[in-house]
Amino acid sequence: MGTLYVVQGFHEVDGDIVADKPILHGMEQLARKRGKMLAGQLDGVLVYAQAADVDRGEYSEPVILARYGWVPHPEQQSLCQAG
C-alpha cells in the first residue's frame, strides 16, 4: 500500500463550494508546495495524504496536511477515494 498526496482545489459557484479535479503527487513536499501556490488562485485548497492500494480499491482515512481558504467541512466532502 502506497501513500497518495492529494491537492484538492475548490471554487465558489452561486454561493456553493465546488471541488475541482484532485491533483495527485508522489511526494508530500511537492503536494504542499502546489497547495500553497494554488491557494492564491482558488477559493480554497486542501492538501492531504492517504494510504491507498489502488488496484484493490482500498483507501485509509485521509490525513489533512494543509488547508487554505474556503474548504468544506470534512463530513460534507468525501475524501475516501482520491482518484
N, C-alpha and C. Protein backbone atom coordinates (compact mmCIF):
# COMPACT_ATOMS: atom_id res chain seq x y z
N MET A 1 0.85 -1.18 0.00
CA MET A 1 0.00 0.00 0.00
C MET A 1 0.90 1.24 0.00
N GLY A 2 0.69 2.12 -0.95
CA GLY A 2 1.47 3.34 -1.05
C GLY A 2 0.70 4.53 -0.49
N THR A 3 1.34 5.67 -0.49
CA THR A 3 0.69 6.89 0.00
C THR A 3 0.49 7.86 -1.14
N LEU A 4 -0.72 8.35 -1.26
CA LEU A 4 -1.05 9.39 -2.22
C LEU A 4 -1.04 10.73 -1.51
N TYR A 5 -0.50 11.73 -2.15
CA TYR A 5 -0.54 13.09 -1.63
C TYR A 5 -1.42 13.87 -2.60
N VAL A 6 -2.51 14.39 -2.09
CA VAL A 6 -3.55 14.97 -2.92
C VAL A 6 -3.70 16.45 -2.65
N VAL A 7 -3.80 17.23 -3.73
CA VAL A 7 -4.11 18.65 -3.65
C VAL A 7 -5.50 18.81 -4.25
N GLN A 8 -6.45 19.18 -3.41
CA GLN A 8 -7.84 19.34 -3.85
C GLN A 8 -8.20 20.81 -3.83
N GLY A 9 -8.46 21.36 -5.00
CA GLY A 9 -8.87 22.75 -5.10
C GLY A 9 -10.38 22.89 -5.05
N PHE A 10 -10.84 24.07 -4.64
CA PHE A 10 -12.27 24.36 -4.57
C PHE A 10 -12.52 25.75 -5.13
N HIS A 11 -13.67 25.92 -5.76
CA HIS A 11 -14.07 27.24 -6.22
C HIS A 11 -15.55 27.46 -5.89
N GLU A 12 -15.92 28.71 -5.80
CA GLU A 12 -17.28 29.08 -5.43
C GLU A 12 -18.13 29.25 -6.68
N VAL A 13 -19.33 28.65 -6.64
CA VAL A 13 -20.30 28.79 -7.72
C VAL A 13 -21.66 29.06 -7.09
N ASP A 14 -22.18 30.24 -7.32
CA ASP A 14 -23.51 30.62 -6.80
C ASP A 14 -23.64 30.37 -5.30
N GLY A 15 -22.61 30.70 -4.55
CA GLY A 15 -22.66 30.57 -3.10
C GLY A 15 -22.31 29.19 -2.57
N ASP A 16 -22.09 28.23 -3.45
CA ASP A 16 -21.70 26.88 -3.03
C ASP A 16 -20.24 26.65 -3.37
N ILE A 17 -19.58 25.80 -2.59
CA ILE A 17 -18.18 25.46 -2.86
C ILE A 17 -18.16 24.16 -3.67
N VAL A 18 -17.43 24.17 -4.77
CA VAL A 18 -17.39 23.03 -5.68
C VAL A 18 -15.94 22.55 -5.79
N ALA A 19 -15.77 21.23 -5.74
CA ALA A 19 -14.43 20.64 -5.82
C ALA A 19 -13.96 20.58 -7.27
N ASP A 20 -12.68 20.93 -7.47
CA ASP A 20 -12.04 20.76 -8.77
C ASP A 20 -11.50 19.32 -8.83
N LYS A 21 -10.97 18.96 -9.97
CA LYS A 21 -10.35 17.65 -10.10
C LYS A 21 -9.11 17.59 -9.20
N PRO A 22 -8.96 16.53 -8.39
CA PRO A 22 -7.80 16.45 -7.50
C PRO A 22 -6.50 16.27 -8.28
N ILE A 23 -5.42 16.81 -7.72
CA ILE A 23 -4.09 16.68 -8.29
C ILE A 23 -3.31 15.73 -7.39
N LEU A 24 -2.79 14.65 -7.95
CA LEU A 24 -2.07 13.65 -7.18
C LEU A 24 -0.57 13.87 -7.30
N HIS A 25 0.13 13.70 -6.16
CA HIS A 25 1.58 13.81 -6.12
C HIS A 25 2.15 12.58 -5.42
N GLY A 26 3.37 12.23 -5.77
CA GLY A 26 4.04 11.11 -5.12
C GLY A 26 4.87 11.51 -3.92
N MET A 27 5.04 12.84 -3.74
CA MET A 27 5.86 13.33 -2.63
C MET A 27 5.11 14.40 -1.85
N GLU A 28 5.18 14.32 -0.53
CA GLU A 28 4.49 15.28 0.34
C GLU A 28 4.96 16.71 0.08
N GLN A 29 6.26 16.91 -0.04
CA GLN A 29 6.81 18.25 -0.22
C GLN A 29 6.24 18.92 -1.48
N LEU A 30 6.12 18.16 -2.57
CA LEU A 30 5.57 18.71 -3.81
C LEU A 30 4.09 19.06 -3.66
N ALA A 31 3.34 18.21 -2.97
CA ALA A 31 1.92 18.48 -2.75
C ALA A 31 1.73 19.74 -1.91
N ARG A 32 2.52 19.88 -0.85
CA ARG A 32 2.40 21.07 -0.01
C ARG A 32 2.75 22.34 -0.80
N LYS A 33 3.80 22.25 -1.61
CA LYS A 33 4.22 23.41 -2.41
C LYS A 33 3.14 23.78 -3.42
N ARG A 34 2.56 22.80 -4.10
CA ARG A 34 1.50 23.05 -5.08
C ARG A 34 0.27 23.63 -4.40
N GLY A 35 -0.09 23.10 -3.23
CA GLY A 35 -1.24 23.62 -2.50
C GLY A 35 -1.07 25.07 -2.12
N LYS A 36 0.11 25.42 -1.65
CA LYS A 36 0.39 26.81 -1.27
C LYS A 36 0.33 27.72 -2.49
N MET A 37 0.85 27.25 -3.61
CA MET A 37 0.82 28.04 -4.84
C MET A 37 -0.63 28.27 -5.31
N LEU A 38 -1.44 27.24 -5.28
CA LEU A 38 -2.82 27.35 -5.74
C LEU A 38 -3.71 28.16 -4.79
N ALA A 39 -3.28 28.27 -3.54
CA ALA A 39 -4.07 29.00 -2.54
C ALA A 39 -4.32 30.44 -2.96
N GLY A 40 -3.41 31.03 -3.72
CA GLY A 40 -3.59 32.40 -4.18
C GLY A 40 -4.47 32.51 -5.41
N GLN A 41 -4.82 31.38 -6.02
CA GLN A 41 -5.59 31.37 -7.25
C GLN A 41 -7.01 30.84 -7.09
N LEU A 42 -7.26 30.04 -6.06
CA LEU A 42 -8.55 29.39 -5.87
C LEU A 42 -9.23 29.88 -4.60
N ASP A 43 -10.51 29.57 -4.46
CA ASP A 43 -11.25 29.95 -3.26
C ASP A 43 -10.85 29.11 -2.05
N GLY A 44 -10.39 27.89 -2.30
CA GLY A 44 -9.95 27.01 -1.22
C GLY A 44 -9.06 25.91 -1.75
N VAL A 45 -8.18 25.41 -0.89
CA VAL A 45 -7.28 24.31 -1.25
C VAL A 45 -7.10 23.43 -0.02
N LEU A 46 -7.18 22.14 -0.24
CA LEU A 46 -6.95 21.16 0.81
C LEU A 46 -5.84 20.24 0.33
N VAL A 47 -4.84 20.02 1.18
CA VAL A 47 -3.75 19.11 0.87
C VAL A 47 -3.83 17.97 1.89
N TYR A 48 -3.89 16.74 1.39
CA TYR A 48 -3.99 15.62 2.33
C TYR A 48 -3.23 14.40 1.83
N ALA A 49 -2.92 13.51 2.77
CA ALA A 49 -2.23 12.25 2.48
C ALA A 49 -3.21 11.12 2.74
N GLN A 50 -3.07 10.06 1.94
CA GLN A 50 -3.97 8.93 2.10
C GLN A 50 -3.26 7.67 1.63
N ALA A 51 -3.20 6.68 2.51
CA ALA A 51 -2.65 5.39 2.12
C ALA A 51 -3.65 4.73 1.19
N ALA A 52 -3.14 4.14 0.09
CA ALA A 52 -4.05 3.58 -0.90
C ALA A 52 -3.45 2.37 -1.59
N ASP A 53 -4.29 1.39 -1.80
CA ASP A 53 -3.99 0.28 -2.68
C ASP A 53 -4.99 0.41 -3.82
N VAL A 54 -4.59 1.14 -4.86
CA VAL A 54 -5.49 1.48 -5.95
C VAL A 54 -6.01 0.24 -6.66
N ASP A 55 -5.16 -0.76 -6.84
CA ASP A 55 -5.57 -1.99 -7.52
C ASP A 55 -6.70 -2.70 -6.79
N ARG A 56 -6.69 -2.65 -5.49
CA ARG A 56 -7.72 -3.31 -4.68
C ARG A 56 -8.86 -2.37 -4.30
N GLY A 57 -8.67 -1.08 -4.55
CA GLY A 57 -9.71 -0.12 -4.19
C GLY A 57 -9.78 0.14 -2.70
N GLU A 58 -8.66 -0.02 -2.00
CA GLU A 58 -8.61 0.17 -0.55
C GLU A 58 -7.93 1.49 -0.23
N TYR A 59 -8.59 2.31 0.59
CA TYR A 59 -8.08 3.63 0.96
C TYR A 59 -8.23 3.82 2.46
N SER A 60 -7.20 4.40 3.09
CA SER A 60 -7.27 4.72 4.52
C SER A 60 -8.00 6.05 4.69
N GLU A 61 -8.23 6.41 5.92
CA GLU A 61 -8.78 7.73 6.22
C GLU A 61 -7.73 8.78 5.84
N PRO A 62 -8.14 9.87 5.22
CA PRO A 62 -7.17 10.90 4.83
C PRO A 62 -6.63 11.66 6.05
N VAL A 63 -5.39 12.11 5.93
CA VAL A 63 -4.75 12.94 6.95
C VAL A 63 -4.53 14.32 6.32
N ILE A 64 -5.18 15.33 6.86
CA ILE A 64 -5.08 16.67 6.31
C ILE A 64 -3.72 17.28 6.66
N LEU A 65 -3.01 17.75 5.63
CA LEU A 65 -1.68 18.33 5.80
C LEU A 65 -1.72 19.85 5.78
N ALA A 66 -2.63 20.43 5.00
CA ALA A 66 -2.74 21.89 4.90
C ALA A 66 -4.13 22.24 4.40
N ARG A 67 -4.59 23.41 4.81
CA ARG A 67 -5.91 23.90 4.42
C ARG A 67 -5.80 25.40 4.20
N TYR A 68 -6.28 25.86 3.04
CA TYR A 68 -6.24 27.28 2.70
C TYR A 68 -7.63 27.73 2.24
N GLY A 69 -8.06 28.88 2.71
CA GLY A 69 -9.29 29.47 2.22
C GLY A 69 -10.55 28.70 2.57
N TRP A 70 -11.50 28.74 1.67
CA TRP A 70 -12.84 28.18 1.87
C TRP A 70 -12.84 26.71 1.46
N VAL A 71 -12.86 25.83 2.46
CA VAL A 71 -12.85 24.39 2.25
C VAL A 71 -14.04 23.81 2.99
N PRO A 72 -14.82 22.94 2.33
CA PRO A 72 -15.98 22.36 3.02
C PRO A 72 -15.57 21.55 4.24
N HIS A 73 -16.49 21.41 5.17
CA HIS A 73 -16.28 20.57 6.34
C HIS A 73 -16.03 19.14 5.86
N PRO A 74 -15.10 18.40 6.49
CA PRO A 74 -14.77 17.05 6.03
C PRO A 74 -15.98 16.13 5.87
N GLU A 75 -17.02 16.29 6.69
CA GLU A 75 -18.20 15.44 6.57
C GLU A 75 -19.01 15.77 5.32
N GLN A 76 -18.83 16.97 4.77
CA GLN A 76 -19.55 17.36 3.55
C GLN A 76 -18.76 17.01 2.30
N GLN A 77 -17.48 16.75 2.44
CA GLN A 77 -16.62 16.48 1.28
C GLN A 77 -16.03 15.09 1.44
N SER A 78 -16.43 14.17 0.59
CA SER A 78 -15.89 12.81 0.65
C SER A 78 -14.45 12.80 0.13
N LEU A 79 -13.54 12.37 0.97
CA LEU A 79 -12.13 12.29 0.57
C LEU A 79 -11.67 10.84 0.55
N CYS A 80 -12.60 9.91 0.57
CA CYS A 80 -12.23 8.50 0.71
C CYS A 80 -11.48 7.95 -0.49
N GLN A 81 -11.77 8.45 -1.69
CA GLN A 81 -11.08 7.96 -2.87
C GLN A 81 -10.57 9.15 -3.64
N ALA A 82 -9.28 9.22 -3.78
CA ALA A 82 -8.64 10.39 -4.38
C ALA A 82 -8.71 10.39 -5.89
N GLY A 83 -9.01 9.38 -6.54
CA GLY A 83 -8.99 9.39 -7.99
C GLY A 83 -10.20 8.78 -8.50
